[in-house]
């Protein structure tokens, strides 16, 4: 399949792009980074790279390289989004978190509607932040949206994606906490635990609805190629854990202590309102993945962490 990939040069894309290329898909990867730097990082010369900013209206003008790439595509994956928990939530950063997602999706949907030949499939990212936070509720794809900043953002994001033309199949993946050693939350925690300074974050009672990156990439590929997949899917493992369980198991896997908690007030100083992402979680399961009999390679956290830390 000829695919246009947006927002696929980061943590998830580093595994997804080689996987799709090895499966025989013809890929055009869009990035604001230079082609030379991306190719050196990926070492995939058979992949086409396009230097453009999909969050800019100018990039989608008629006869632009990005528009021509879309016209030549059969499917598109949109994972564009400013990282959420990397720095303090200032008003400026919150605006970047919003605009990177909403503008890109809005421009993409409008561009798809102008195509003479309809796009077969559109995969759009979302997040389990859609549900808000809770220590007691269990959320699935039919659960209502929450009312905090991220929940409202995800609702807007999904609503925009849903305005795509009816002939284009849409799959939205509400992604959980993605695990691998080279990025994401676990990538930041591993060096600390290795040094013997690891511990739970906050009170340790908040839920972590996680997924191994390999399983997430498999979900994305299945969504592309299986015409029966449409609508909302939660991209989470079937076995969420508490933060305390997670850090305890990580310490055991690394044979390191799990004794030095990170107090919530410290995170609030560092991240502002963004600390909510880390300190307040949600227990999320996926009824839709169970219905399509998706087979997880890493359904249990124990095996996932062993695989990740084996060569760390």
Protein backbone atom coordinates (compact mmCIF):
# COMPACT_ATOMS: atom_id res chain seq x y z
CA UNK A 1 0.00 0.00 0.00
CA UNK A 2 1.20 3.52 -0.77
CA UNK A 3 1.22 5.33 2.57
CA UNK A 4 1.72 8.91 3.73
CA UNK A 5 3.08 9.07 7.29
CA UNK A 6 2.69 12.19 9.44
CA UNK A 7 4.35 12.47 12.83
CA UNK A 8 6.19 9.18 12.39
CA UNK A 9 9.81 10.27 12.95
CA UNK A 10 9.74 10.00 16.75
CA UNK A 11 9.47 7.32 19.40
CA UNK A 12 6.69 5.27 17.79
CA UNK A 13 7.81 5.90 14.21
CA UNK A 14 11.30 4.57 14.91
CA UNK A 15 9.76 1.08 15.02
CA UNK A 16 6.69 1.61 12.86
CA UNK A 17 8.49 2.92 9.75
CA UNK A 18 10.94 -0.01 9.41
CA UNK A 19 8.12 -2.44 10.14
CA UNK A 20 5.88 -1.06 7.39
CA UNK A 21 8.80 -0.84 4.95
CA UNK A 22 9.74 -4.46 5.62
CA UNK A 23 6.11 -5.46 5.00
CA UNK A 24 6.38 -4.08 1.48
CA UNK A 25 4.47 -0.81 1.86
CA UNK A 26 5.63 2.21 -0.14
CA UNK A 27 6.22 4.97 2.38
CA UNK A 28 6.46 8.73 2.24
CA UNK A 29 7.46 10.09 5.64
CA UNK A 30 6.68 13.76 6.29
CA UNK A 31 8.79 15.68 8.76
CA UNK A 32 9.97 19.16 9.62
CA UNK A 33 13.45 17.64 10.04
CA UNK A 34 15.87 17.50 7.14
CA UNK A 35 15.78 14.43 4.92
CA UNK A 36 19.48 13.81 5.50
CA UNK A 37 19.15 13.69 9.29
CA UNK A 38 16.15 11.38 9.23
CA UNK A 39 17.77 8.95 6.78
CA UNK A 40 20.92 8.78 8.89
CA UNK A 41 18.81 7.98 11.94
CA UNK A 42 16.59 5.39 10.25
CA UNK A 43 19.03 4.01 7.65
CA UNK A 44 16.10 3.28 5.32
CA UNK A 45 17.08 4.54 1.90
CA UNK A 46 14.05 2.92 0.26
CA UNK A 47 11.70 5.25 2.17
CA UNK A 48 10.76 8.60 0.63
CA UNK A 49 11.14 11.60 2.92
CA UNK A 50 9.33 14.89 2.49
CA UNK A 51 10.39 18.01 4.37
CA UNK A 52 7.16 19.85 5.25
CA UNK A 53 5.19 21.10 8.23
CA UNK A 54 1.75 19.42 8.19
CA UNK A 55 0.51 21.86 10.85
CA UNK A 56 0.91 24.72 8.36
CA UNK A 57 -1.84 25.57 5.87
CA UNK A 58 0.79 26.52 3.28
CA UNK A 59 2.06 22.94 3.18
CA UNK A 60 -1.34 21.75 1.91
CA UNK A 61 -1.78 24.22 -0.93
CA UNK A 62 -2.69 22.89 -4.35
CA UNK A 63 0.30 21.46 -6.26
CA UNK A 64 2.45 21.53 -3.10
CA UNK A 65 4.78 18.53 -2.58
CA UNK A 66 2.70 17.41 0.40
CA UNK A 67 -0.58 17.59 -1.53
CA UNK A 68 0.94 15.67 -4.43
CA UNK A 69 2.20 13.01 -2.01
CA UNK A 70 -1.32 12.67 -0.58
CA UNK A 71 -2.80 12.36 -4.07
CA UNK A 72 -0.42 9.47 -4.73
CA UNK A 73 -1.30 7.68 -1.49
CA UNK A 74 -3.83 5.00 -0.65
CA UNK A 75 -3.66 5.49 3.11
CA UNK A 76 -2.40 7.95 5.70
CA UNK A 77 -1.22 7.63 9.30
CA UNK A 78 -1.42 10.78 11.41
CA UNK A 79 0.52 10.63 14.68
CA UNK A 80 1.41 14.34 14.80
CA UNK A 81 1.40 15.90 18.26
CA UNK A 82 3.64 17.98 20.50
CA UNK A 83 4.85 15.78 23.45
CA UNK A 84 2.58 16.18 26.45
CA UNK A 85 4.72 15.43 29.52
CA UNK A 86 8.13 16.70 28.42
CA UNK A 87 8.00 20.15 30.00
CA UNK A 88 5.95 22.51 32.13
CA UNK A 89 2.45 23.31 30.93
CA UNK A 90 2.75 27.01 30.32
CA UNK A 91 -0.07 28.68 28.34
CA UNK A 92 2.27 28.70 25.33
CA UNK A 93 3.05 24.97 25.62
CA UNK A 94 -0.63 24.08 26.07
CA UNK A 95 -1.35 25.99 22.88
CA UNK A 96 1.37 24.01 21.08
CA UNK A 97 -0.08 20.74 22.40
CA UNK A 98 -3.48 21.73 21.02
CA UNK A 99 -2.55 23.32 17.71
CA UNK A 100 -0.09 20.62 16.63
CA UNK A 101 -2.88 18.04 16.81
CA UNK A 102 -5.94 19.99 15.78
CA UNK A 103 -4.47 22.00 12.92
CA UNK A 104 -2.71 19.04 11.32
CA UNK A 105 -5.83 16.89 11.45
CA UNK A 106 -8.03 19.71 10.17
CA UNK A 107 -5.75 20.44 7.21
CA UNK A 108 -5.40 16.72 6.47
CA UNK A 109 -9.15 16.08 6.43
CA UNK A 110 -9.75 19.09 4.19
CA UNK A 111 -7.03 17.88 1.82
CA UNK A 112 -8.51 14.37 1.70
CA UNK A 113 -11.91 15.84 0.80
CA UNK A 114 -10.35 17.50 -2.28
CA UNK A 115 -8.93 14.28 -3.71
CA UNK A 116 -10.37 13.10 -7.01
CA UNK A 117 -9.71 9.50 -6.03
CA UNK A 118 -10.86 8.76 -2.47
CA UNK A 119 -8.28 7.74 0.11
CA UNK A 120 -8.83 4.17 1.26
CA UNK A 121 -7.93 4.51 4.93
CA UNK A 122 -6.98 7.14 7.50
CA UNK A 123 -5.40 6.21 10.83
CA UNK A 124 -5.52 8.99 13.38
CA UNK A 125 -3.93 9.01 16.79
CA UNK A 126 -5.72 9.95 19.99
CA UNK A 127 -4.99 9.10 23.63
CA UNK A 128 -6.57 7.44 26.64
CA UNK A 129 -6.54 10.92 28.17
CA UNK A 130 -9.90 11.07 26.38
CA UNK A 131 -11.48 9.44 29.45
CA UNK A 132 -10.14 11.77 32.10
CA UNK A 133 -8.65 10.24 35.27
CA UNK A 134 -9.99 7.93 37.97
CA UNK A 135 -8.69 5.43 40.52
CA UNK A 136 -11.92 3.39 40.54
CA UNK A 137 -13.55 3.47 37.09
CA UNK A 138 -12.66 1.06 34.28
CA UNK A 139 -12.89 2.67 30.83
CA UNK A 140 -13.51 1.04 27.45
CA UNK A 141 -14.23 2.39 23.97
CA UNK A 142 -17.86 3.11 24.89
CA UNK A 143 -17.03 5.16 27.99
CA UNK A 144 -17.81 8.90 27.84
CA UNK A 145 -15.17 11.60 27.59
CA UNK A 146 -13.77 13.29 30.66
CA UNK A 147 -13.81 17.01 31.37
CA UNK A 148 -10.16 17.99 31.88
CA UNK A 149 -7.81 19.64 29.37
CA UNK A 150 -6.59 16.44 27.71
CA UNK A 151 -10.05 14.88 27.56
CA UNK A 152 -11.48 17.93 25.83
CA UNK A 153 -8.49 18.06 23.47
CA UNK A 154 -8.88 14.38 22.50
CA UNK A 155 -12.61 14.90 21.94
CA UNK A 156 -11.93 17.82 19.59
CA UNK A 157 -9.15 15.88 17.85
CA UNK A 158 -11.39 12.88 17.18
CA UNK A 159 -14.31 15.06 16.11
CA UNK A 160 -12.16 16.73 13.46
CA UNK A 161 -10.87 13.38 12.19
CA UNK A 162 -14.46 12.15 11.92
CA UNK A 163 -15.29 14.82 9.34
CA UNK A 164 -13.28 12.90 6.72
CA UNK A 165 -15.13 11.81 3.55
CA UNK A 166 -17.47 8.87 4.05
CA UNK A 167 -15.63 6.75 1.47
CA UNK A 168 -12.44 6.87 3.54
CA UNK A 169 -12.29 4.28 6.32
CA UNK A 170 -11.26 5.88 9.62
CA UNK A 171 -9.54 4.15 12.54
CA UNK A 172 -8.72 6.13 15.69
CA UNK A 173 -6.29 4.65 18.20
CA UNK A 174 -6.55 5.98 21.75
CA UNK A 175 -3.00 5.18 22.78
CA UNK A 176 -1.93 4.34 26.32
CA UNK A 177 1.54 4.63 27.88
CA UNK A 178 3.89 3.18 25.26
CA UNK A 179 6.85 1.18 26.60
CA UNK A 180 10.31 0.74 25.09
CA UNK A 181 13.80 1.55 26.30
CA UNK A 182 14.63 4.29 23.80
CA UNK A 183 11.92 6.79 24.69
CA UNK A 184 8.63 7.54 26.37
CA UNK A 185 8.09 7.30 30.12
CA UNK A 186 10.12 4.12 30.53
CA UNK A 187 13.07 5.55 28.62
CA UNK A 188 13.33 8.27 31.27
CA UNK A 189 12.89 5.89 34.19
CA UNK A 190 15.42 3.23 33.21
CA UNK A 191 18.63 5.23 33.87
CA UNK A 192 17.30 6.30 37.27
CA UNK A 193 16.48 2.73 38.28
CA UNK A 194 19.77 1.45 36.90
CA UNK A 195 21.57 3.94 39.15
CA UNK A 196 19.67 2.63 42.17
CA UNK A 197 17.51 5.72 42.69
CA UNK A 198 14.20 4.38 41.41
CA UNK A 199 10.84 4.49 43.11
CA UNK A 200 7.13 5.08 42.59
CA UNK A 201 5.88 8.40 41.27
CA UNK A 202 3.41 10.12 43.55
CA UNK A 203 1.48 7.81 45.88
CA UNK A 204 1.81 4.87 43.48
CA UNK A 205 -1.94 4.22 43.41
CA UNK A 206 -2.63 5.81 40.03
CA UNK A 207 -3.32 3.45 37.14
CA UNK A 208 -0.94 2.85 34.24
CA UNK A 209 -2.64 1.60 31.12
CA UNK A 210 0.43 0.59 29.16
CA UNK A 211 1.30 -1.11 25.88
CA UNK A 212 4.56 -2.41 24.46
CA UNK A 213 5.56 -0.44 21.38
CA UNK A 214 5.75 -3.59 19.26
CA UNK A 215 2.10 -4.39 20.02
CA UNK A 216 1.05 -0.83 19.22
CA UNK A 217 2.83 -0.99 15.86
CA UNK A 218 1.10 -4.29 15.12
CA UNK A 219 -2.26 -2.69 15.93
CA UNK A 220 -1.50 0.17 13.55
CA UNK A 221 -0.50 -2.22 10.76
CA UNK A 222 -3.59 -4.37 11.29
CA UNK A 223 -5.78 -1.27 11.18
CA UNK A 224 -4.24 -0.32 7.84
CA UNK A 225 -4.64 -3.64 6.12
CA UNK A 226 -7.84 -5.07 7.63
CA UNK A 227 -10.91 -3.47 6.08
CA UNK A 228 -13.12 -4.71 8.92
CA UNK A 229 -11.35 -2.42 11.39
CA UNK A 230 -13.02 0.98 11.76
CA UNK A 231 -13.86 3.44 14.50
CA UNK A 232 -12.29 3.66 17.95
CA UNK A 233 -9.75 1.24 19.42
CA UNK A 234 -7.96 1.64 22.75
CA UNK A 235 -4.25 0.98 22.20
CA UNK A 236 -3.56 -0.63 25.59
CA UNK A 237 -2.55 -4.03 26.90
CA UNK A 238 -5.27 -6.18 28.51
CA UNK A 239 -3.57 -5.90 31.92
CA UNK A 240 -3.18 -2.36 33.32
CA UNK A 241 -1.29 -1.96 36.60
CA UNK A 242 -0.87 0.67 39.29
CA UNK A 243 2.19 2.90 39.30
CA UNK A 244 3.37 1.14 42.46
CA UNK A 245 3.08 -2.27 40.80
CA UNK A 246 4.88 -0.97 37.74
CA UNK A 247 7.90 0.46 39.58
CA UNK A 248 8.09 -2.56 41.89
CA UNK A 249 8.21 -4.92 38.91
CA UNK A 250 10.70 -2.70 37.10
CA UNK A 251 12.98 -2.74 40.13
CA UNK A 252 12.76 -6.54 40.35
CA UNK A 253 13.41 -6.95 36.63
CA UNK A 254 16.54 -4.78 36.86
CA UNK A 255 17.52 -6.20 40.27
CA UNK A 256 17.50 -2.67 41.66
CA UNK A 257 15.70 -1.07 44.63
CA UNK A 258 12.31 0.60 44.38
CA UNK A 259 12.65 2.79 47.47
CA UNK A 260 12.89 6.46 46.49
CA UNK A 261 9.49 7.87 45.55
CA UNK A 262 9.14 11.02 43.49
CA UNK A 263 6.81 13.28 45.52
CA UNK A 264 3.84 14.70 43.69
CA UNK A 265 4.59 18.31 44.74
CA UNK A 266 8.01 18.09 43.06
CA UNK A 267 6.43 17.03 39.78
CA UNK A 268 3.89 19.83 40.06
CA UNK A 269 6.74 22.31 40.38
CA UNK A 270 8.46 20.84 37.32
CA UNK A 271 5.43 20.24 35.09
CA UNK A 272 2.69 22.48 36.46
CA UNK A 273 -0.74 21.18 35.47
CA UNK A 274 1.06 18.66 33.25
CA UNK A 275 1.89 16.67 36.39
CA UNK A 276 -1.69 15.44 36.24
CA UNK A 277 -0.69 13.16 33.36
CA UNK A 278 1.76 11.35 35.63
CA UNK A 279 0.09 11.61 39.03
CA UNK A 280 -3.48 10.76 37.98
CA UNK A 281 -4.06 7.80 35.70
CA UNK A 282 -6.92 5.78 34.29
CA UNK A 283 -7.67 2.07 34.06
CA UNK A 284 -8.39 1.42 30.40
CA UNK A 285 -9.14 -1.82 28.56
CA UNK A 286 -9.95 -2.50 24.92
CA UNK A 287 -13.16 -4.36 24.18
CA UNK A 288 -12.67 -3.68 20.46
CA UNK A 289 -9.28 -5.44 20.28
CA UNK A 290 -10.78 -8.42 22.09
CA UNK A 291 -13.66 -8.49 19.58
CA UNK A 292 -11.27 -8.68 16.61
CA UNK A 293 -9.17 -11.33 18.43
CA UNK A 294 -6.01 -9.27 18.41
CA UNK A 295 -3.11 -11.33 19.75
CA UNK A 296 -0.74 -9.39 21.99
CA UNK A 297 2.90 -10.35 21.93
CA UNK A 298 3.27 -8.80 25.38
CA UNK A 299 -0.04 -9.01 27.26
CA UNK A 300 1.69 -9.14 30.67
CA UNK A 301 3.96 -6.43 32.06
CA UNK A 302 6.48 -8.97 33.38
CA UNK A 303 7.36 -10.30 29.93
CA UNK A 304 7.24 -6.83 28.40
CA UNK A 305 9.79 -5.44 30.86
CA UNK A 306 12.02 -8.51 30.54
CA UNK A 307 12.09 -8.11 26.76
CA UNK A 308 12.76 -4.38 26.97
CA UNK A 309 15.52 -4.57 29.57
CA UNK A 310 17.20 -7.70 28.19
CA UNK A 311 19.72 -5.73 26.15
CA UNK A 312 19.60 -2.51 28.15
